[in-house]
Amino acid sequence: MSQENQAVSIKVLKGAPYLVKGPITLIHTDGREEVMESAHLCRCGASGKKPFCDGTHAKIGFEKE
């Protein structure tokens, strides 16, 4: 099955990041493309590794559904 035909899912983890399961292509603001099978993407806004989660949500008490 080609990459275009495989399902992508996005799961909201309670009090934590988005879990994206791919295959996915992440296009950064500088145009660089990163292909990966999964990623934990920040949704608290405080990660030092945006767009990826670095665990800061636990330190700041992020509790969104």
Protein backbone atom coordinates (compact mmCIF):
# COMPACT_ATOMS: atom_id res chain seq x y z
CA MET A 1 0.00 0.00 0.00
CA SER A 2 1.43 3.40 -0.94
CA GLN A 3 1.86 6.17 1.62
CA GLU A 4 -1.07 8.13 0.13
CA ASN A 5 -3.45 5.22 0.75
CA GLN A 6 -2.57 4.55 4.37
CA ALA A 7 -4.78 5.97 7.09
CA VAL A 8 -3.61 8.77 9.35
CA SER A 9 -5.10 9.13 12.82
CA ILE A 10 -4.90 11.95 15.35
CA LYS A 11 -5.66 11.14 18.97
CA VAL A 12 -6.08 13.81 21.64
CA LEU A 13 -4.34 12.58 24.78
CA LYS A 14 -5.96 13.97 27.94
CA GLY A 15 -3.68 16.61 29.48
CA ALA A 16 -1.01 15.74 26.94
CA PRO A 17 -0.04 16.14 23.25
CA TYR A 18 -1.73 15.08 20.06
CA LEU A 19 -0.61 11.61 18.99
CA VAL A 20 -0.45 11.53 15.19
CA LYS A 21 0.03 8.12 13.57
CA GLY A 22 0.98 8.12 9.92
CA PRO A 23 2.63 7.90 7.63
CA ILE A 24 2.82 11.68 7.78
CA THR A 25 4.87 14.44 6.20
CA LEU A 26 5.46 17.39 8.50
CA ILE A 27 6.30 20.58 6.61
CA HIS A 28 8.21 23.02 8.80
CA THR A 29 7.96 26.82 8.47
CA ASP A 30 11.28 26.86 6.60
CA GLY A 31 9.84 24.45 4.01
CA ARG A 32 11.85 21.46 5.22
CA GLU A 33 9.86 18.22 5.04
CA GLU A 34 10.11 15.49 7.64
CA VAL A 35 8.54 12.08 6.93
CA MET A 36 7.65 9.96 9.95
CA GLU A 37 5.38 7.14 11.05
CA SER A 38 4.15 8.91 14.18
CA ALA A 39 4.64 12.09 16.19
CA HIS A 40 3.59 13.61 19.49
CA LEU A 41 2.67 17.21 18.68
CA CYS A 42 2.49 19.92 21.34
CA ARG A 43 -0.92 21.31 22.19
CA CYS A 44 -0.09 23.12 25.46
CA GLY A 45 1.98 25.76 23.64
CA ALA A 46 4.91 25.57 26.05
CA SER A 47 7.18 22.96 24.43
CA GLY A 48 10.74 24.00 23.74
CA LYS A 49 10.79 21.61 20.76
CA LYS A 50 7.70 22.83 18.86
CA PRO A 51 5.91 21.46 16.99
CA PHE A 52 6.90 18.36 18.98
CA CYS A 53 6.02 17.65 22.60
CA ASP A 54 8.89 17.73 25.09
CA GLY A 55 6.86 16.88 28.21
CA THR A 56 6.48 20.49 29.40
CA HIS A 57 2.70 19.99 29.67
CA ALA A 58 3.28 17.94 32.83
CA LYS A 59 5.48 20.64 34.39
CA ILE A 60 2.97 23.45 33.78
CA GLY A 61 -0.13 21.50 34.82
CA PHE A 62 -1.78 21.39 31.39
CA GLU A 63 -5.13 19.62 31.93
CA LYS A 64 -7.27 20.11 28.81
CA GLU A 65 -9.40 17.24 27.53
